[in-house]
């Protein structure tokens, strides 16, 4: 069983930055494929970025060059550094673990996937 707790969301002006953190419990963090998803009101959940156990990363085109996903296996923590934020980045951001994601960003949902409770990011114009 894995528990995920996100933090770091908030209100920021366009062009600003935020860093999200996701603290994970459990002993298998280092082997999990991890990801950040987001869901805006009235929209479907989308994969923003993912990171594999070996450190390879994937980014959605909408955030490429602005967001950076990283992990600290010693601290069982996942991060998402967000820069040059835009109003369209406004959403609830979710951390997820033990994912099946292809190198091109195709996510295959499974019952065993672990999810955090989400953290709100609001970017004002």
Protein backbone atom coordinates (compact mmCIF):
# COMPACT_ATOMS: atom_id res chain seq x y z
CA UNK A 1 0.00 0.00 0.00
CA UNK A 2 1.26 3.46 -0.91
CA UNK A 3 -0.02 6.78 0.36
CA UNK A 4 0.70 9.96 -1.55
CA UNK A 5 0.39 13.46 -0.15
CA UNK A 6 0.78 16.48 -2.43
CA UNK A 7 1.71 19.96 -1.30
CA UNK A 8 2.87 23.23 -2.77
CA UNK A 9 -0.18 24.37 -4.69
CA UNK A 10 -1.56 27.87 -4.44
CA UNK A 11 -2.39 31.08 -6.24
CA UNK A 12 0.23 32.66 -8.46
CA UNK A 13 0.25 35.33 -11.14
CA UNK A 14 0.89 34.47 -14.76
CA UNK A 15 4.60 34.13 -15.39
CA UNK A 16 5.25 32.98 -11.84
CA UNK A 17 6.54 29.70 -10.48
CA UNK A 18 5.48 26.99 -8.08
CA UNK A 19 7.00 23.74 -6.94
CA UNK A 20 4.74 20.84 -6.11
CA UNK A 21 5.88 18.03 -3.85
CA UNK A 22 4.47 14.55 -3.39
CA UNK A 23 5.54 12.61 -0.31
CA UNK A 24 5.12 8.86 -0.62
CA UNK A 25 4.95 6.19 2.03
CA UNK A 26 6.10 2.64 1.44
CA UNK A 27 9.36 0.97 0.57
CA UNK A 28 9.06 0.62 -3.21
CA UNK A 29 9.06 4.27 -4.24
CA UNK A 30 12.31 4.02 -6.15
CA UNK A 31 11.00 1.36 -8.53
CA UNK A 32 7.70 3.05 -9.34
CA UNK A 33 6.93 4.97 -12.46
CA UNK A 34 5.55 8.23 -11.09
CA UNK A 35 3.47 10.92 -12.70
CA UNK A 36 1.79 14.26 -12.28
CA UNK A 37 -1.70 14.67 -13.71
CA UNK A 38 -4.02 17.63 -13.71
CA UNK A 39 -7.72 18.19 -14.13
CA UNK A 40 -9.30 21.55 -14.86
CA UNK A 41 -13.02 22.19 -14.34
CA UNK A 42 -15.05 20.65 -17.12
CA UNK A 43 -12.03 18.92 -18.63
CA UNK A 44 -10.65 15.42 -18.55
CA UNK A 45 -7.70 14.50 -16.44
CA UNK A 46 -4.46 14.74 -18.38
CA UNK A 47 -0.96 13.48 -17.87
CA UNK A 48 1.41 16.39 -17.37
CA UNK A 49 4.72 14.65 -16.75
CA UNK A 50 6.09 11.28 -15.75
CA UNK A 51 9.37 9.87 -14.55
CA UNK A 52 10.56 6.30 -14.63
CA UNK A 53 12.68 4.56 -12.02
CA UNK A 54 15.80 5.04 -14.16
CA UNK A 55 15.13 8.78 -14.38
CA UNK A 56 13.80 9.11 -17.91
CA UNK A 57 11.06 11.67 -18.23
CA UNK A 58 8.08 12.52 -20.38
CA UNK A 59 6.29 15.87 -20.71
CA UNK A 60 3.06 16.85 -22.33
CA UNK A 61 3.60 19.31 -25.16
CA UNK A 62 1.66 21.98 -23.27
CA UNK A 63 4.24 22.08 -20.46
CA UNK A 64 7.45 21.11 -22.22
CA UNK A 65 10.21 23.59 -21.48
CA UNK A 66 8.32 25.10 -18.54
CA UNK A 67 7.81 22.19 -16.12
CA UNK A 68 10.41 19.83 -14.67
CA UNK A 69 9.62 16.55 -12.96
CA UNK A 70 12.15 15.03 -10.59
CA UNK A 71 12.35 12.50 -7.82
CA UNK A 72 14.39 12.04 -4.66
CA UNK A 73 14.33 8.34 -3.89
CA UNK A 74 16.14 8.84 -0.58
CA UNK A 75 13.28 11.07 0.56
CA UNK A 76 10.48 9.15 -1.19
CA UNK A 77 9.43 12.42 -2.76
CA UNK A 78 8.32 13.45 -6.24
CA UNK A 79 8.53 17.06 -7.43
CA UNK A 80 7.12 19.19 -10.18
CA UNK A 81 8.83 22.51 -10.74
CA UNK A 82 6.51 24.76 -12.70
CA UNK A 83 7.77 27.96 -14.30
CA UNK A 84 6.31 30.57 -16.64
CA UNK A 85 2.87 29.58 -15.45
CA UNK A 86 -0.13 30.44 -17.59
CA UNK A 87 -3.82 30.80 -16.68
CA UNK A 88 -4.49 27.61 -18.64
CA UNK A 89 -2.30 25.73 -16.16
CA UNK A 90 -5.01 26.28 -13.54
CA UNK A 91 -6.18 22.87 -12.34
CA UNK A 92 -6.08 20.37 -9.51
CA UNK A 93 -2.76 18.57 -9.75
CA UNK A 94 -2.50 14.94 -8.71
CA UNK A 95 0.50 12.78 -7.97
CA UNK A 96 0.27 9.12 -8.95
CA UNK A 97 2.47 6.07 -8.48
CA UNK A 98 3.10 2.64 -9.93
CA UNK A 99 1.89 3.68 -13.35
CA UNK A 100 2.04 2.08 -16.76
CA UNK A 101 3.04 4.82 -19.20
CA UNK A 102 4.74 4.47 -22.58
CA UNK A 103 7.67 6.61 -23.62
CA UNK A 104 5.26 8.65 -25.74
CA UNK A 105 3.03 9.40 -22.78
CA UNK A 106 0.23 6.90 -23.25
CA UNK A 107 -1.16 6.08 -19.83
CA UNK A 108 -2.89 2.77 -19.18
CA UNK A 109 -5.05 3.05 -16.04
CA UNK A 110 -5.03 0.13 -13.65
CA UNK A 111 -6.95 -0.62 -10.50
CA UNK A 112 -3.66 -0.79 -8.60
CA UNK A 113 -2.58 2.76 -9.43
CA UNK A 114 -2.02 4.96 -6.39
CA UNK A 115 -3.28 8.55 -6.26
CA UNK A 116 -2.87 11.52 -3.99
CA UNK A 117 -5.71 13.78 -2.93
CA UNK A 118 -4.67 16.60 -5.25
CA UNK A 119 -3.51 20.17 -4.77
CA UNK A 120 -5.08 23.23 -6.37
CA UNK A 121 -2.97 25.43 -8.63
CA UNK A 122 -4.56 28.71 -9.71
CA UNK A 123 -2.81 31.05 -12.12
CA UNK A 124 -4.27 34.53 -12.40
CA UNK A 125 -3.91 36.65 -15.51
